[in-house]
């Protein structure tokens, strides 16, 4: 067995989503999950915009493809900084 055949990252995307979803539900049930307030979300978006500067989506590697995939697949994609 090669190293690339082991672990969470080697699983298909659907299986990873299922496992992560279980963890999220468990954290909410336990009461330890973080829930974003509108102010926290606004601040995170501002920080992201500042960090990216004036670059457009097309100039940031992976972002334009991620947005395009999200629109075509109908499922949220992780944001890649």
C-alpha atoms as a PDB file:
ATOM      1  CA  UNK A   1       0.000   0.000   0.000  1.00  0.00           C
ATOM      2  CA  UNK A   2       1.426   3.332  -1.047  1.00  0.00           C
ATOM      3  CA  UNK A   3       1.184   6.375   1.198  1.00  0.00           C
ATOM      4  CA  UNK A   4      -1.060   8.081  -1.359  1.00  0.00           C
ATOM      5  CA  UNK A   5      -3.633   5.288  -0.871  1.00  0.00           C
ATOM      6  CA  UNK A   6      -4.140   6.033   2.816  1.00  0.00           C
ATOM      7  CA  UNK A   7      -6.027   8.543   4.881  1.00  0.00           C
ATOM      8  CA  UNK A   8      -8.786  11.070   4.626  1.00  0.00           C
ATOM      9  CA  UNK A   9      -7.382  12.937   1.624  1.00  0.00           C
ATOM     10  CA  UNK A  10      -7.309   9.798  -0.527  1.00  0.00           C
ATOM     11  CA  UNK A  11     -11.072   9.224  -0.113  1.00  0.00           C
ATOM     12  CA  UNK A  12     -13.487  10.339  -2.782  1.00  0.00           C
ATOM     13  CA  UNK A  13     -15.097  13.725  -2.216  1.00  0.00           C
ATOM     14  CA  UNK A  14     -18.545  12.333  -1.357  1.00  0.00           C
ATOM     15  CA  UNK A  15     -17.128  10.097   1.407  1.00  0.00           C
ATOM     16  CA  UNK A  16     -15.124  13.008   2.886  1.00  0.00           C
ATOM     17  CA  UNK A  17     -18.255  15.192   2.875  1.00  0.00           C
ATOM     18  CA  UNK A  18     -20.255  12.491   4.672  1.00  0.00           C
ATOM     19  CA  UNK A  19     -17.622  12.134   7.403  1.00  0.00           C
ATOM     20  CA  UNK A  20     -17.219  15.899   7.827  1.00  0.00           C
ATOM     21  CA  UNK A  21     -20.971  16.324   7.961  1.00  0.00           C
ATOM     22  CA  UNK A  22     -21.220  13.814  10.810  1.00  0.00           C
ATOM     23  CA  UNK A  23     -18.610  15.782  12.756  1.00  0.00           C
ATOM     24  CA  UNK A  24     -20.454  19.030  12.189  1.00  0.00           C
ATOM     25  CA  UNK A  25     -23.764  17.579  13.335  1.00  0.00           C
ATOM     26  CA  UNK A  26     -22.110  16.077  16.421  1.00  0.00           C
ATOM     27  CA  UNK A  27     -20.498  19.412  17.339  1.00  0.00           C
ATOM     28  CA  UNK A  28     -23.831  21.231  17.031  1.00  0.00           C
ATOM     29  CA  UNK A  29     -25.565  18.566  19.087  1.00  0.00           C
ATOM     30  CA  UNK A  30     -22.858  18.820  21.746  1.00  0.00           C
ATOM     31  CA  UNK A  31     -23.072  22.612  21.710  1.00  0.00           C
ATOM     32  CA  UNK A  32     -19.431  23.238  20.821  1.00  0.00           C
ATOM     33  CA  UNK A  33     -19.903  24.204  17.157  1.00  0.00           C
ATOM     34  CA  UNK A  34     -19.200  27.761  16.111  1.00  0.00           C
ATOM     35  CA  UNK A  35     -22.120  29.621  14.611  1.00  0.00           C
ATOM     36  CA  UNK A  36     -21.215  32.763  12.717  1.00  0.00           C
ATOM     37  CA  UNK A  37     -22.971  35.980  13.599  1.00  0.00           C
ATOM     38  CA  UNK A  38     -23.640  38.379  10.750  1.00  0.00           C
ATOM     39  CA  UNK A  39     -20.974  40.702  12.192  1.00  0.00           C
ATOM     40  CA  UNK A  40     -18.339  37.919  12.268  1.00  0.00           C
ATOM     41  CA  UNK A  41     -19.183  36.900   8.701  1.00  0.00           C
ATOM     42  CA  UNK A  42     -18.983  40.522   7.542  1.00  0.00           C
ATOM     43  CA  UNK A  43     -15.562  40.929   9.176  1.00  0.00           C
ATOM     44  CA  UNK A  44     -14.265  37.689   7.630  1.00  0.00           C
ATOM     45  CA  UNK A  45     -15.420  38.826   4.198  1.00  0.00           C
ATOM     46  CA  UNK A  46     -13.739  42.192   4.691  1.00  0.00           C
ATOM     47  CA  UNK A  47     -10.476  40.536   5.693  1.00  0.00           C
ATOM     48  CA  UNK A  48     -10.644  38.267   2.656  1.00  0.00           C
ATOM     49  CA  UNK A  49     -11.228  41.233   0.359  1.00  0.00           C
ATOM     50  CA  UNK A  50      -8.324  43.130   1.897  1.00  0.00           C
ATOM     51  CA  UNK A  51      -6.068  40.098   1.612  1.00  0.00           C
ATOM     52  CA  UNK A  52      -6.934  39.564  -2.050  1.00  0.00           C
ATOM     53  CA  UNK A  53      -6.505  43.240  -2.787  1.00  0.00           C
ATOM     54  CA  UNK A  54      -7.902  44.499  -6.058  1.00  0.00           C
ATOM     55  CA  UNK A  55      -7.271  41.256  -7.943  1.00  0.00           C
ATOM     56  CA  UNK A  56     -10.225  39.810  -9.806  1.00  0.00           C
ATOM     57  CA  UNK A  57     -11.333  36.199  -9.598  1.00  0.00           C
ATOM     58  CA  UNK A  58      -9.586  35.454 -12.870  1.00  0.00           C
ATOM     59  CA  UNK A  59      -6.256  36.592 -11.416  1.00  0.00           C
ATOM     60  CA  UNK A  60      -6.416  34.363  -8.322  1.00  0.00           C
ATOM     61  CA  UNK A  61      -5.445  30.748  -9.084  1.00  0.00           C
ATOM     62  CA  UNK A  62      -8.301  28.309  -8.460  1.00  0.00           C
ATOM     63  CA  UNK A  63     -10.965  30.851  -7.526  1.00  0.00           C
ATOM     64  CA  UNK A  64     -12.520  31.305 -10.970  1.00  0.00           C
ATOM     65  CA  UNK A  65     -12.604  27.532 -11.494  1.00  0.00           C
ATOM     66  CA  UNK A  66     -14.131  27.011  -8.055  1.00  0.00           C
ATOM     67  CA  UNK A  67     -16.851  29.572  -8.737  1.00  0.00           C
ATOM     68  CA  UNK A  68     -17.530  28.087 -12.156  1.00  0.00           C
ATOM     69  CA  UNK A  69     -17.763  24.565 -10.733  1.00  0.00           C
ATOM     70  CA  UNK A  70     -20.061  25.737  -7.954  1.00  0.00           C
ATOM     71  CA  UNK A  71     -22.459  27.263 -10.465  1.00  0.00           C
ATOM     72  CA  UNK A  72     -22.462  24.216 -12.732  1.00  0.00           C
ATOM     73  CA  UNK A  73     -22.573  21.478 -10.089  1.00  0.00           C
ATOM     74  CA  UNK A  74     -24.991  23.166  -7.719  1.00  0.00           C
ATOM     75  CA  UNK A  75     -22.935  22.101  -4.683  1.00  0.00           C
ATOM     76  CA  UNK A  76     -20.748  24.380  -2.578  1.00  0.00           C
ATOM     77  CA  UNK A  77     -17.019  24.107  -3.178  1.00  0.00           C
ATOM     78  CA  UNK A  78     -14.329  24.914  -0.608  1.00  0.00           C
ATOM     79  CA  UNK A  79     -12.675  28.305  -1.013  1.00  0.00           C
ATOM     80  CA  UNK A  80      -8.975  27.961  -1.734  1.00  0.00           C
ATOM     81  CA  UNK A  81      -6.859  30.883  -0.558  1.00  0.00           C
END
